[in-house]
Amino acid sequence: MTTTEQQLLGALKDMETAVAGMNSQPKPNLMAHFDRIDALTAGLSDGTDGELMHYLQKKSYEKARLFLEGRLSEIEKGGCLR
């Protein structure tokens, strides 16, 4: 796993934690998390696995996290049948 992929995995986990806290006050700023994930995605190399790029481009962040964690068997197929 590249450094950028490691940072991306951390950012995805941080966003999941923030989403879990949506009922708290003050509400977390999710846009900052989305911006961080987008910036890290833009920094991935051209050789990045196509499945990971697909998940990130479609904003399937849970699937992207599972992919980065090597938990491929837990990724449910979506409507695009990839």
N, C-alpha and C. Protein backbone atom coordinates (compact mmCIF):
# COMPACT_ATOMS: atom_id res chain seq x y z
N MET A 1 0.85 -1.17 0.00
CA MET A 1 0.00 0.00 0.00
C MET A 1 0.90 1.24 0.00
N THR A 2 0.58 2.18 -0.88
CA THR A 2 1.37 3.40 -0.96
C THR A 2 1.06 4.32 0.22
N THR A 3 1.90 5.31 0.40
CA THR A 3 1.68 6.30 1.46
C THR A 3 0.35 7.02 1.25
N THR A 4 0.06 7.39 0.02
CA THR A 4 -1.21 8.08 -0.27
C THR A 4 -2.39 7.17 0.03
N GLU A 5 -2.28 5.90 -0.30
CA GLU A 5 -3.36 4.96 0.01
C GLU A 5 -3.54 4.81 1.52
N GLN A 6 -2.45 4.80 2.26
CA GLN A 6 -2.54 4.74 3.72
C GLN A 6 -3.23 5.98 4.27
N GLN A 7 -2.88 7.15 3.73
CA GLN A 7 -3.52 8.39 4.16
C GLN A 7 -4.99 8.39 3.79
N LEU A 8 -5.29 7.86 2.62
CA LEU A 8 -6.68 7.77 2.17
C LEU A 8 -7.49 6.86 3.08
N LEU A 9 -6.92 5.74 3.46
CA LEU A 9 -7.61 4.84 4.39
C LEU A 9 -7.89 5.55 5.71
N GLY A 10 -6.93 6.29 6.22
CA GLY A 10 -7.14 7.05 7.44
C GLY A 10 -8.23 8.10 7.27
N ALA A 11 -8.24 8.78 6.13
CA ALA A 11 -9.26 9.80 5.88
C ALA A 11 -10.65 9.18 5.77
N LEU A 12 -10.75 8.01 5.16
CA LEU A 12 -12.04 7.32 5.06
C LEU A 12 -12.55 6.91 6.44
N LYS A 13 -11.66 6.42 7.27
CA LYS A 13 -12.04 6.04 8.64
C LYS A 13 -12.46 7.27 9.45
N ASP A 14 -11.71 8.37 9.28
CA ASP A 14 -12.06 9.60 9.98
C ASP A 14 -13.45 10.09 9.57
N MET A 15 -13.77 9.98 8.28
CA MET A 15 -15.08 10.42 7.82
C MET A 15 -16.18 9.53 8.40
N GLU A 16 -15.94 8.22 8.45
CA GLU A 16 -16.94 7.33 9.03
C GLU A 16 -17.20 7.67 10.50
N THR A 17 -16.15 8.03 11.21
CA THR A 17 -16.30 8.44 12.61
C THR A 17 -17.12 9.72 12.70
N ALA A 18 -16.84 10.66 11.80
CA ALA A 18 -17.58 11.93 11.80
C ALA A 18 -19.06 11.71 11.47
N VAL A 19 -19.33 10.84 10.52
CA VAL A 19 -20.72 10.54 10.15
C VAL A 19 -21.45 9.91 11.34
N ALA A 20 -20.76 9.06 12.07
CA ALA A 20 -21.37 8.43 13.24
C ALA A 20 -21.73 9.46 14.30
N GLY A 21 -21.06 10.61 14.29
CA GLY A 21 -21.33 11.67 15.27
C GLY A 21 -22.28 12.74 14.78
N MET A 22 -23.03 12.46 13.72
CA MET A 22 -23.93 13.48 13.16
C MET A 22 -25.03 13.91 14.11
N ASN A 23 -25.36 13.10 15.08
CA ASN A 23 -26.41 13.48 16.03
C ASN A 23 -25.88 14.29 17.20
N SER A 24 -24.58 14.55 17.20
CA SER A 24 -23.98 15.32 18.30
C SER A 24 -24.01 16.80 17.97
N GLN A 25 -23.72 17.59 18.96
CA GLN A 25 -23.64 19.04 18.78
C GLN A 25 -22.27 19.51 19.20
N PRO A 26 -21.58 20.30 18.47
CA PRO A 26 -21.95 20.75 17.13
C PRO A 26 -21.74 19.64 16.11
N LYS A 27 -22.48 19.73 15.04
CA LYS A 27 -22.37 18.72 13.99
C LYS A 27 -20.99 18.80 13.33
N PRO A 28 -20.42 17.65 12.97
CA PRO A 28 -19.11 17.67 12.33
C PRO A 28 -19.19 18.27 10.93
N ASN A 29 -18.09 18.85 10.48
CA ASN A 29 -18.01 19.43 9.15
C ASN A 29 -17.60 18.33 8.17
N LEU A 30 -18.58 17.73 7.52
CA LEU A 30 -18.30 16.64 6.61
C LEU A 30 -17.61 17.11 5.34
N MET A 31 -17.84 18.35 4.93
CA MET A 31 -17.21 18.86 3.71
C MET A 31 -15.69 18.80 3.81
N ALA A 32 -15.15 19.06 4.98
CA ALA A 32 -13.70 18.98 5.16
C ALA A 32 -13.21 17.56 4.89
N HIS A 33 -13.99 16.57 5.31
CA HIS A 33 -13.63 15.17 5.07
C HIS A 33 -13.71 14.83 3.58
N PHE A 34 -14.79 15.27 2.93
CA PHE A 34 -14.93 15.02 1.49
C PHE A 34 -13.78 15.68 0.72
N ASP A 35 -13.44 16.92 1.09
CA ASP A 35 -12.35 17.62 0.41
C ASP A 35 -11.02 16.89 0.58
N ARG A 36 -10.77 16.38 1.77
CA ARG A 36 -9.53 15.64 2.03
C ARG A 36 -9.47 14.36 1.20
N ILE A 37 -10.57 13.64 1.16
CA ILE A 37 -10.62 12.40 0.37
C ILE A 37 -10.43 12.72 -1.11
N ASP A 38 -11.08 13.76 -1.60
CA ASP A 38 -10.92 14.15 -3.00
C ASP A 38 -9.48 14.53 -3.32
N ALA A 39 -8.83 15.27 -2.42
CA ALA A 39 -7.44 15.67 -2.64
C ALA A 39 -6.52 14.46 -2.66
N LEU A 40 -6.73 13.53 -1.76
CA LEU A 40 -5.91 12.32 -1.74
C LEU A 40 -6.17 11.46 -2.97
N THR A 41 -7.42 11.39 -3.40
CA THR A 41 -7.75 10.63 -4.61
C THR A 41 -7.03 11.22 -5.82
N ALA A 42 -7.00 12.53 -5.90
CA ALA A 42 -6.32 13.21 -7.01
C ALA A 42 -4.82 12.93 -6.99
N GLY A 43 -4.28 12.62 -5.83
CA GLY A 43 -2.86 12.36 -5.70
C GLY A 43 -2.44 10.92 -5.94
N LEU A 44 -3.40 10.05 -6.22
CA LEU A 44 -3.07 8.66 -6.49
C LEU A 44 -2.39 8.54 -7.85
N SER A 45 -1.51 7.58 -7.96
CA SER A 45 -0.76 7.40 -9.21
C SER A 45 -1.63 6.79 -10.30
N ASP A 46 -1.15 6.90 -11.53
CA ASP A 46 -1.86 6.31 -12.67
C ASP A 46 -1.95 4.80 -12.55
N GLY A 47 -1.07 4.19 -11.79
CA GLY A 47 -1.06 2.74 -11.63
C GLY A 47 -1.99 2.23 -10.54
N THR A 48 -2.79 3.10 -9.96
CA THR A 48 -3.71 2.70 -8.90
C THR A 48 -4.74 1.72 -9.45
N ASP A 49 -5.07 0.72 -8.66
CA ASP A 49 -6.04 -0.30 -9.07
C ASP A 49 -7.35 0.36 -9.55
N GLY A 50 -7.85 -0.13 -10.68
CA GLY A 50 -9.06 0.42 -11.28
C GLY A 50 -10.29 0.28 -10.40
N GLU A 51 -10.37 -0.80 -9.64
CA GLU A 51 -11.52 -0.98 -8.75
C GLU A 51 -11.54 0.10 -7.67
N LEU A 52 -10.38 0.36 -7.07
CA LEU A 52 -10.31 1.40 -6.05
C LEU A 52 -10.70 2.75 -6.64
N MET A 53 -10.17 3.06 -7.81
CA MET A 53 -10.51 4.34 -8.45
C MET A 53 -12.00 4.42 -8.73
N HIS A 54 -12.59 3.34 -9.15
CA HIS A 54 -14.03 3.30 -9.42
C HIS A 54 -14.81 3.63 -8.15
N TYR A 55 -14.47 2.97 -7.04
CA TYR A 55 -15.17 3.23 -5.79
C TYR A 55 -15.04 4.69 -5.36
N LEU A 56 -13.84 5.23 -5.50
CA LEU A 56 -13.63 6.62 -5.08
C LEU A 56 -14.35 7.60 -5.99
N GLN A 57 -14.34 7.36 -7.29
CA GLN A 57 -15.02 8.25 -8.23
C GLN A 57 -16.52 8.21 -8.05
N LYS A 58 -17.05 7.07 -7.65
CA LYS A 58 -18.50 6.93 -7.43
C LYS A 58 -18.90 7.28 -5.99
N LYS A 59 -17.91 7.71 -5.20
CA LYS A 59 -18.14 8.08 -3.79
C LYS A 59 -18.63 6.90 -2.96
N SER A 60 -18.21 5.69 -3.34
CA SER A 60 -18.54 4.48 -2.58
C SER A 60 -17.44 4.29 -1.54
N TYR A 61 -17.48 5.14 -0.52
CA TYR A 61 -16.37 5.21 0.43
C TYR A 61 -16.24 3.96 1.29
N GLU A 62 -17.35 3.33 1.64
CA GLU A 62 -17.24 2.11 2.43
C GLU A 62 -16.54 1.01 1.61
N LYS A 63 -16.89 0.91 0.34
CA LYS A 63 -16.25 -0.08 -0.53
C LYS A 63 -14.77 0.25 -0.70
N ALA A 64 -14.44 1.52 -0.83
CA ALA A 64 -13.04 1.92 -0.95
C ALA A 64 -12.27 1.54 0.31
N ARG A 65 -12.88 1.76 1.48
CA ARG A 65 -12.22 1.39 2.74
C ARG A 65 -12.00 -0.11 2.81
N LEU A 66 -13.04 -0.88 2.50
CA LEU A 66 -12.91 -2.33 2.53
C LEU A 66 -11.83 -2.80 1.55
N PHE A 67 -11.77 -2.19 0.38
CA PHE A 67 -10.75 -2.55 -0.61
C PHE A 67 -9.36 -2.30 -0.04
N LEU A 68 -9.16 -1.12 0.54
CA LEU A 68 -7.85 -0.78 1.09
C LEU A 68 -7.47 -1.66 2.27
N GLU A 69 -8.45 -2.15 2.99
CA GLU A 69 -8.19 -3.04 4.12
C GLU A 69 -8.00 -4.49 3.67
N GLY A 70 -8.14 -4.75 2.36
CA GLY A 70 -7.97 -6.11 1.85
C GLY A 70 -9.16 -7.01 2.11
N ARG A 71 -10.31 -6.42 2.39
CA ARG A 71 -11.50 -7.19 2.73
C ARG A 71 -12.42 -7.30 1.50
N LEU A 72 -11.87 -7.77 0.40
CA LEU A 72 -12.55 -7.78 -0.88
C LEU A 72 -13.82 -8.63 -0.87
N SER A 73 -13.83 -9.70 -0.13
CA SER A 73 -15.00 -10.59 -0.10
C SER A 73 -16.21 -9.92 0.55
N GLU A 74 -16.00 -8.85 1.29
CA GLU A 74 -17.10 -8.16 1.97
C GLU A 74 -17.72 -7.05 1.13
N ILE A 75 -17.15 -6.78 -0.04
CA ILE A 75 -17.65 -5.71 -0.89
C ILE A 75 -18.83 -6.23 -1.69
N GLU A 76 -19.99 -5.64 -1.45
CA GLU A 76 -21.19 -6.04 -2.16
C GLU A 76 -21.22 -5.37 -3.53
N LYS A 77 -21.65 -6.12 -4.53
CA LYS A 77 -21.74 -5.58 -5.87
C LYS A 77 -22.89 -4.57 -5.92
N GLY A 78 -22.63 -3.47 -6.64
CA GLY A 78 -23.62 -2.42 -6.76
C GLY A 78 -24.39 -2.55 -8.07
N GLY A 79 -25.12 -1.51 -8.38
CA GLY A 79 -25.96 -1.49 -9.57
C GLY A 79 -25.18 -1.45 -10.87
N CYS A 80 -23.93 -1.03 -10.83
CA CYS A 80 -23.13 -0.93 -12.06
C CYS A 80 -22.49 -2.27 -12.41
N LEU A 81 -22.62 -3.26 -11.54
CA LEU A 81 -22.15 -4.62 -11.76
C LEU A 81 -20.65 -4.74 -11.98
N ARG A 82 -19.88 -3.87 -11.39
CA ARG A 82 -18.41 -3.97 -11.46
C ARG A 82 -17.93 -4.94 -10.43
